Amino acid sequence: MRVGLFAKCNHGGMSRLAAGARQIGLEPVWCAPKYWAESNYDESLGLIVTLGTKLHSKRIADCYRAAGVPVLAMDLPAIRPREFKYPFPTYALWRDSINNIPQGVADDSRLFIADPKPPRGKLGRRILVCGQKADDAAHGMGTAELREYFRHTVRMIRDKHGDARPIIWRAHPEEPFPCPDAHDESEATEGPLEDLLAERSIGAVVTFNSTCGITALASRLPVFCDEQSFYAEVANTGLPNGRDVEPNWDKVDAFLSRVAWTQFTLDELESGYALAHVLSGSMSDDPIDTTLPANWTR
């Protein structure tokens, strides 16, 4: 089977995925996404892999998906180690679209990329509101819409709790707009997110659907998010009330394990393990493709 890789051939994750495809008997084909048009559709491709799901990747994926060709999307992982810098040690390989978390996997004991911490005990009173980057495929909101959403969210929390639950605003590093209705902006905008989440005074995290929600859940903090968030099944939807209800941490751990099955190390990409795992149907009850060579091994 020929696999279309829509990325530059020197991309850290895609180049490893290309090597892995060869390891399991598949033929990787490099394709240029920037200048792609429907007239470039290649019917010989039995699978395509895009980088993310925006712009050129969306057009390409929509075209091939409409023709019945399976689509994978490579992106940065949702669960990240504390020091996550380029060159990235792991990449996510989502089936069909980003944030498509598998419901069943071959082995539910996969090691966490970031180990969850033990329960905290008594939670603090402060609420951490985490901003997001505009025009992200995960939410689709532009700058004005996203800023208004968070300003409205902060105002609603203040109207409900007043000074009883101080709000800390943490802007996204690439979208550093102020949120004047928050109680304290400066403290939250400095230092790693993990250090802030470790504060005993923090009792809940509010965001739309940022991956910081995953980090907060792994830090054993209740998370409030939009109902369309990919981790909403183990979080709260809406806004914090007077007494935050902690999630079922066993269910959170099981969910994090499922998320970890969408993420692969560079060695797993290069060995063919990642691609074989997806193609074998291990990420879903409905196999993507049945033509996987029989000689691949886990």
Protein backbone atom coordinates (compact mmCIF):
# COMPACT_ATOMS: atom_id res chain seq x y z
CA MET A 1 0.00 0.00 0.00
CA ARG A 2 1.19 3.52 -0.87
CA VAL A 3 0.98 6.04 1.98
CA GLY A 4 0.82 9.75 1.13
CA LEU A 5 2.74 11.91 3.62
CA PHE A 6 1.72 15.55 3.23
CA ALA A 7 4.66 17.35 4.81
CA LYS A 8 8.27 18.33 4.19
CA CYS A 9 10.53 15.29 4.10
CA ASN A 10 12.71 16.73 6.89
CA HIS A 11 9.86 16.99 9.39
CA GLY A 12 10.97 15.26 12.60
CA GLY A 13 7.87 13.13 13.08
CA MET A 14 6.94 12.50 9.45
CA SER A 15 10.46 11.44 8.47
CA ARG A 16 10.38 8.82 11.24
CA LEU A 17 6.91 7.73 10.15
CA ALA A 18 8.20 7.28 6.58
CA ALA A 19 10.96 5.00 7.84
CA GLY A 20 8.41 3.07 9.87
CA ALA A 21 6.17 2.61 6.84
CA ARG A 22 9.06 0.97 4.99
CA GLN A 23 9.73 -1.29 7.97
CA ILE A 24 6.26 -2.84 7.70
CA GLY A 25 6.30 -3.16 3.92
CA LEU A 26 4.43 0.01 2.95
CA GLU A 27 5.56 2.60 0.41
CA PRO A 28 5.73 6.18 1.69
CA VAL A 29 5.11 8.89 -0.90
CA TRP A 30 6.06 12.48 -0.09
CA CYS A 31 3.45 15.02 -1.20
CA ALA A 32 3.63 18.83 -1.14
CA PRO A 33 0.61 20.17 0.79
CA LYS A 34 1.10 23.88 0.07
CA TYR A 35 0.48 23.68 -3.67
CA TRP A 36 -1.92 20.74 -3.63
CA ALA A 37 -5.15 20.98 -5.59
CA GLU A 38 -7.91 18.45 -6.28
CA SER A 39 -6.38 17.92 -9.70
CA ASN A 40 -3.39 16.41 -7.85
CA TYR A 41 -5.55 13.68 -6.32
CA ASP A 42 -3.63 10.40 -6.49
CA GLU A 43 -5.90 7.36 -6.60
CA SER A 44 -2.94 5.05 -5.94
CA LEU A 45 -2.72 6.22 -2.31
CA GLY A 46 -4.40 3.84 0.12
CA LEU A 47 -3.79 6.02 3.19
CA ILE A 48 -2.80 9.63 3.77
CA VAL A 49 -1.21 11.38 6.75
CA THR A 50 -1.48 15.15 7.19
CA LEU A 51 0.13 17.56 9.64
CA GLY A 52 -2.73 18.80 11.77
CA THR A 53 -6.12 19.56 10.26
CA LYS A 54 -5.99 23.22 9.26
CA LEU A 55 -5.59 25.06 5.96
CA HIS A 56 -4.00 22.82 3.30
CA SER A 57 -4.33 19.73 5.49
CA LYS A 58 -8.09 20.20 5.81
CA ARG A 59 -8.60 20.53 2.06
CA ILE A 60 -6.49 17.47 1.39
CA ALA A 61 -8.09 15.36 4.10
CA ASP A 62 -11.63 16.30 3.04
CA CYS A 63 -10.93 15.33 -0.56
CA TYR A 64 -9.41 11.94 0.23
CA ARG A 65 -11.91 11.17 2.97
CA ALA A 66 -14.77 11.82 0.53
CA ALA A 67 -13.20 9.22 -1.77
CA GLY A 68 -13.13 6.67 1.06
CA VAL A 69 -9.38 6.89 1.72
CA PRO A 70 -8.44 6.59 5.43
CA VAL A 71 -6.90 9.73 6.92
CA LEU A 72 -4.47 10.11 9.82
CA ALA A 73 -3.36 13.42 11.33
CA MET A 74 0.00 13.93 13.01
CA ASP A 75 0.25 16.67 15.60
CA LEU A 76 1.85 17.54 18.91
CA PRO A 77 0.72 15.28 21.76
CA ALA A 78 -1.91 16.18 24.35
CA ILE A 79 0.09 14.67 27.23
CA ARG A 80 3.52 16.27 27.36
CA PRO A 81 6.54 15.98 29.63
CA ARG A 82 7.45 19.01 31.70
CA GLU A 83 10.23 20.10 29.35
CA PHE A 84 8.62 19.71 25.94
CA LYS A 85 10.88 21.47 23.47
CA TYR A 86 12.04 21.00 19.89
CA PRO A 87 13.15 18.46 18.73
CA PHE A 88 9.99 16.93 20.13
CA PRO A 89 10.36 13.44 21.66
CA THR A 90 6.78 12.33 20.91
CA TYR A 91 4.09 12.97 18.31
CA ALA A 92 0.38 12.19 18.28
CA LEU A 93 -1.06 10.14 15.45
CA TRP A 94 -4.79 10.75 15.49
CA ARG A 95 -7.21 8.66 13.51
CA ASP A 96 -9.33 10.70 11.08
CA SER A 97 -8.96 13.97 13.03
CA ILE A 98 -7.19 15.45 16.03
CA ASN A 99 -8.61 14.65 19.46
CA ASN A 100 -10.18 11.40 18.25
CA ILE A 101 -9.55 9.35 21.39
CA PRO A 102 -9.78 5.57 20.91
CA GLN A 103 -12.54 3.81 22.81
CA GLY A 104 -10.72 0.50 22.95
CA VAL A 105 -7.07 -0.46 22.69
CA ALA A 106 -5.24 -3.77 22.52
CA ASP A 107 -3.44 -3.16 25.81
CA ASP A 108 -4.71 -0.69 28.40
CA SER A 109 -1.50 -0.73 30.43
CA ARG A 110 0.48 1.63 28.20
CA LEU A 111 2.82 3.77 30.27
CA PHE A 112 1.84 7.39 30.76
CA ILE A 113 3.90 10.02 28.99
CA ALA A 114 3.24 12.14 32.08
CA ASP A 115 2.47 10.14 35.21
CA PRO A 116 -0.65 11.28 37.12
CA LYS A 117 -0.12 12.35 40.69
CA PRO A 118 -1.89 10.98 43.78
CA PRO A 119 -5.13 12.69 44.96
CA ARG A 120 -4.56 16.06 46.62
CA GLY A 121 -6.96 15.90 49.52
CA LYS A 122 -8.49 19.29 50.34
CA LEU A 123 -8.62 21.61 47.34
CA GLY A 124 -7.83 25.31 47.41
CA ARG A 125 -10.23 28.16 46.68
CA ARG A 126 -8.50 29.90 43.79
CA ILE A 127 -9.65 29.23 40.23
CA LEU A 128 -7.12 29.15 37.40
CA VAL A 129 -8.52 30.23 34.03
CA CYS A 130 -6.28 29.19 31.13
CA GLY A 131 -6.46 31.01 27.81
CA GLN A 132 -5.92 29.51 24.36
CA LYS A 133 -4.46 30.42 20.99
CA ALA A 134 -6.77 31.94 18.40
CA ASP A 135 -7.54 30.17 15.11
CA ASP A 136 -6.63 26.78 16.49
CA ALA A 137 -8.27 23.80 14.77
CA ALA A 138 -9.30 22.44 18.17
CA HIS A 139 -11.88 25.21 18.70
CA GLY A 140 -12.06 27.27 15.49
CA MET A 141 -12.50 30.64 17.23
CA GLY A 142 -10.81 33.77 15.96
CA THR A 143 -9.05 36.31 18.16
CA ALA A 144 -12.06 38.51 18.93
CA GLU A 145 -14.40 35.58 19.59
CA LEU A 146 -11.90 33.77 21.81
CA ARG A 147 -11.09 36.86 23.87
CA GLU A 148 -14.75 37.63 24.41
CA TYR A 149 -15.39 34.03 25.48
CA PHE A 150 -12.77 34.20 28.23
CA ARG A 151 -13.77 37.69 29.38
CA HIS A 152 -17.37 36.48 29.64
CA THR A 153 -16.27 33.33 31.50
CA VAL A 154 -14.28 35.31 34.07
CA ARG A 155 -17.15 37.76 34.61
CA MET A 156 -19.60 34.89 35.15
CA ILE A 157 -17.34 33.29 37.78
CA ARG A 158 -16.94 36.63 39.59
CA ASP A 159 -20.67 37.27 39.50
CA LYS A 160 -21.27 33.86 41.05
CA HIS A 161 -18.52 33.81 43.69
CA GLY A 162 -17.34 37.38 44.17
CA ASP A 163 -14.09 37.48 46.16
CA ALA A 164 -14.75 34.08 47.78
CA ARG A 165 -12.99 32.33 44.91
CA PRO A 166 -10.15 34.48 43.56
CA ILE A 167 -9.49 34.09 39.84
CA ILE A 168 -6.04 33.78 38.32
CA TRP A 169 -5.75 34.42 34.60
CA ARG A 170 -3.08 32.60 32.61
CA ALA A 171 -2.86 33.71 29.00
CA HIS A 172 -1.63 31.37 26.29
CA PRO A 173 2.05 32.12 25.57
CA GLU A 174 1.22 32.85 21.92
CA GLU A 175 -1.97 34.79 22.72
CA PRO A 176 -0.97 37.03 25.66
CA PHE A 177 -4.04 39.25 25.92
CA PRO A 178 -5.03 40.62 29.35
CA CYS A 179 -8.21 39.64 31.14
CA PRO A 180 -9.00 42.68 33.34
CA ASP A 181 -11.82 41.06 35.30
CA ALA A 182 -9.46 38.48 36.81
CA HIS A 183 -8.21 39.09 40.36
CA ASP A 184 -4.56 38.47 39.58
CA GLU A 185 -2.95 38.38 36.16
CA SER A 186 0.76 38.71 36.90
CA GLU A 187 1.27 35.72 39.19
CA ALA A 188 -0.20 33.25 36.74
CA THR A 189 1.63 34.41 33.65
CA GLU A 190 5.10 33.52 34.91
CA GLY A 191 6.73 30.12 35.16
CA PRO A 192 5.74 26.66 33.94
CA LEU A 193 2.11 25.56 34.08
CA GLU A 194 3.09 22.53 36.17
CA ASP A 195 4.47 24.77 38.93
CA LEU A 196 1.27 26.78 39.01
CA LEU A 197 -0.88 23.65 39.17
CA ALA A 198 1.21 22.40 42.09
CA GLU A 199 0.08 25.40 44.20
CA ARG A 200 -2.04 24.10 47.07
CA SER A 201 -4.26 27.17 46.83
CA ILE A 202 -5.50 26.21 43.34
CA GLY A 203 -8.79 24.34 43.51
CA ALA A 204 -10.01 24.17 39.92
CA VAL A 205 -8.98 24.89 36.33
CA VAL A 206 -11.27 26.46 33.74
CA THR A 207 -10.58 26.46 29.99
CA PHE A 208 -12.46 25.94 26.74
CA ASN A 209 -10.73 22.81 25.46
CA SER A 210 -7.00 23.47 25.90
CA THR A 211 -4.58 20.58 26.46
CA CYS A 212 -3.76 22.30 29.76
CA GLY A 213 -6.94 20.57 30.95
CA ILE A 214 -5.19 17.22 30.46
CA THR A 215 -2.20 18.48 32.45
CA ALA A 216 -4.52 19.67 35.21
CA LEU A 217 -6.34 16.33 35.38
CA ALA A 218 -3.00 14.53 35.62
CA SER A 219 -2.19 16.95 38.49
CA ARG A 220 -5.40 15.84 40.23
CA LEU A 221 -7.34 19.08 39.82
CA PRO A 222 -11.01 19.34 38.77
CA VAL A 223 -11.33 20.79 35.28
CA PHE A 224 -14.23 22.79 33.85
CA CYS A 225 -14.44 22.91 30.06
CA ASP A 226 -16.73 23.11 27.08
CA GLU A 227 -18.89 20.05 26.51
CA GLN A 228 -17.25 19.55 23.10
CA SER A 229 -13.79 19.22 24.65
CA PHE A 230 -12.19 15.84 23.95
CA TYR A 231 -11.68 15.26 27.70
CA ALA A 232 -15.18 16.38 28.73
CA GLU A 233 -16.09 12.79 29.61
CA VAL A 234 -13.82 12.99 32.68
CA ALA A 235 -14.19 16.72 33.43
CA ASN A 236 -16.96 19.10 34.47
CA THR A 237 -18.81 21.13 31.87
CA GLY A 238 -19.93 24.65 32.65
CA LEU A 239 -18.46 26.80 35.43
CA PRO A 240 -17.33 26.02 39.00
CA ASN A 241 -20.07 26.03 41.61
CA GLY A 242 -19.73 26.50 45.35
CA ARG A 243 -18.34 23.01 45.91
CA ASP A 244 -16.36 21.49 43.11
CA VAL A 245 -17.06 17.81 42.57
CA GLU A 246 -13.84 15.89 42.01
CA PRO A 247 -13.77 13.49 39.05
CA ASN A 248 -13.56 9.75 39.44
CA TRP A 249 -9.78 9.46 39.33
CA ASP A 250 -9.88 5.83 38.22
CA LYS A 251 -11.85 6.92 35.16
CA VAL A 252 -9.40 9.79 34.62
CA ASP A 253 -6.47 7.35 34.69
CA ALA A 254 -8.19 5.06 32.18
CA PHE A 255 -8.86 8.05 29.91
CA LEU A 256 -5.24 9.23 30.13
CA SER A 257 -4.13 5.75 29.17
CA ARG A 258 -6.36 5.89 26.09
CA VAL A 259 -4.92 9.29 25.19
CA ALA A 260 -1.42 7.85 25.59
CA TRP A 261 -2.30 5.31 22.88
CA THR A 262 -2.54 8.16 20.37
CA GLN A 263 1.02 9.23 21.18
CA PHE A 264 4.21 7.61 20.00
CA THR A 265 7.91 8.10 20.60
CA LEU A 266 10.29 8.72 17.70
CA ASP A 267 11.53 5.12 18.00
CA GLU A 268 7.95 3.80 17.81
CA LEU A 269 7.34 5.88 14.69
CA GLU A 270 10.59 4.75 13.06
CA SER A 271 10.14 1.06 13.84
CA GLY A 272 6.72 0.95 12.20
CA TYR A 273 4.99 0.18 15.49
CA ALA A 274 2.89 3.38 15.52
CA LEU A 275 1.55 2.98 11.99
CA ALA A 276 0.96 -0.73 12.40
CA HIS A 277 -0.92 -0.12 15.64
CA VAL A 278 -3.31 2.26 13.91
CA LEU A 279 -3.76 0.17 10.77
CA SER A 280 -4.44 -3.00 12.73
CA GLY A 281 -7.54 -1.43 14.24
CA SER A 282 -6.10 -1.38 17.74
CA MET A 283 -7.35 2.17 18.17
CA SER A 284 -10.91 1.36 17.22
CA ASP A 285 -13.41 -1.47 16.89
CA ASP A 286 -13.60 -0.64 13.18
CA PRO A 287 -10.28 -1.39 11.43
CA ILE A 288 -8.97 1.26 9.06
CA ASP A 289 -7.43 -1.13 6.60
CA THR A 290 -7.10 -4.90 6.31
CA THR A 291 -4.19 -4.99 3.89
CA LEU A 292 -1.50 -4.61 6.56
CA PRO A 293 1.34 -7.04 5.81
CA ALA A 294 1.29 -10.07 8.10
CA ASN A 295 5.00 -9.80 8.92
CA TRP A 296 4.82 -6.76 11.21
CA THR A 297 5.41 -7.32 14.90
CA ARG A 298 4.67 -5.26 17.98
